[in-house]
Protein backbone atom coordinates (compact mmCIF):
# COMPACT_ATOMS: atom_id res chain seq x y z
CA UNK A 1 -0.20 -0.19 0.51
CA UNK A 2 1.59 2.88 -1.23
CA UNK A 3 1.55 6.04 1.32
CA UNK A 4 -0.26 9.40 0.35
CA UNK A 5 1.35 12.70 1.21
CA UNK A 6 1.42 14.88 3.33
CA UNK A 7 3.21 18.04 1.97
CA UNK A 8 2.70 20.38 5.25
CA UNK A 9 5.18 17.33 7.17
CA UNK A 10 7.81 16.54 5.26
CA UNK A 11 11.28 17.12 6.41
CA UNK A 12 13.34 18.92 4.60
CA UNK A 13 16.78 19.94 4.95
CA UNK A 14 16.05 23.56 6.42
CA UNK A 15 14.03 21.40 8.40
CA UNK A 16 16.71 18.85 9.11
CA UNK A 17 19.37 21.99 10.09
CA UNK A 18 17.25 24.26 12.15
CA UNK A 19 15.71 20.87 14.41
CA UNK A 20 19.25 19.46 14.45
CA UNK A 21 21.49 23.24 14.81
CA UNK A 22 24.96 20.84 16.47
CA UNK A 23 26.45 17.92 16.52
CA UNK A 24 25.34 17.51 20.84
CA UNK A 25 21.93 17.75 19.07
CA UNK A 26 22.34 15.16 16.85
CA UNK A 27 23.93 12.63 18.75
CA UNK A 28 21.46 13.13 21.59
CA UNK A 29 18.88 11.83 19.28
CA UNK A 30 20.47 9.65 17.59
CA UNK A 31 21.24 7.63 20.32
CA UNK A 32 18.20 7.55 21.73
CA UNK A 33 17.07 5.91 18.37
CA UNK A 34 19.32 3.58 18.78
CA UNK A 35 18.98 2.88 22.29
CA UNK A 36 15.88 4.25 23.59
CA UNK A 37 15.93 2.21 26.89
CA UNK A 38 19.67 3.56 27.32
CA UNK A 39 22.62 2.75 26.18
CA UNK A 40 23.99 -0.92 26.87
CA UNK A 41 26.95 -2.51 25.82
CA UNK A 42 26.63 -4.98 22.71
CA UNK A 43 29.19 -7.28 23.90
CA UNK A 44 27.59 -8.56 27.94
CA UNK A 45 24.39 -6.39 28.00
CA UNK A 46 25.67 -4.60 31.17
CA UNK A 47 24.15 -1.44 31.92
CA UNK A 48 27.63 0.05 33.08
CA UNK A 49 28.03 2.28 29.86
CA UNK A 50 30.05 5.17 30.10
CA UNK A 51 31.07 7.79 27.68
CA UNK A 52 34.04 8.50 27.38
CA UNK A 53 34.49 12.26 26.84
CA UNK A 54 37.65 12.60 24.55
CA UNK A 55 37.60 10.11 22.36
CA UNK A 56 33.29 10.65 22.21
CA UNK A 57 33.18 6.65 22.52
CA UNK A 58 31.36 3.89 24.39
CA UNK A 59 32.96 2.11 27.26
CA UNK A 60 31.54 -0.36 29.75
CA UNK A 61 32.76 -0.85 32.70
CA UNK A 62 32.42 -4.39 33.18
CA UNK A 63 34.14 -6.02 29.99
CA UNK A 64 35.97 -2.75 29.06
CA UNK A 65 33.73 -3.31 25.16
CA UNK A 66 34.45 0.46 23.41
CA UNK A 67 32.29 1.43 20.62
CA UNK A 68 32.36 4.12 19.07
CA UNK A 69 30.76 6.91 18.65
CA UNK A 70 26.68 6.81 19.24
CA UNK A 71 25.57 5.39 16.49
CA UNK A 72 28.53 2.84 15.31
CA UNK A 73 31.81 2.49 13.92
CA UNK A 74 33.45 4.42 11.91
């Protein structure tokens, strides 16, 4: 079934730029989309995950696993 176009609600590049005008806003939204229940380690599923600010990565406090960025490896 084809979804009808709703021109009033369509997203465009200008709306995206206005909505996510900084890397921090964009990163926060992507993190919520990827981990709606909170960040977890992909190796051991621990909730003891913290952000290593210098490298912009998540690290697991239990198994030491490292994940690059908020949306996957780069």
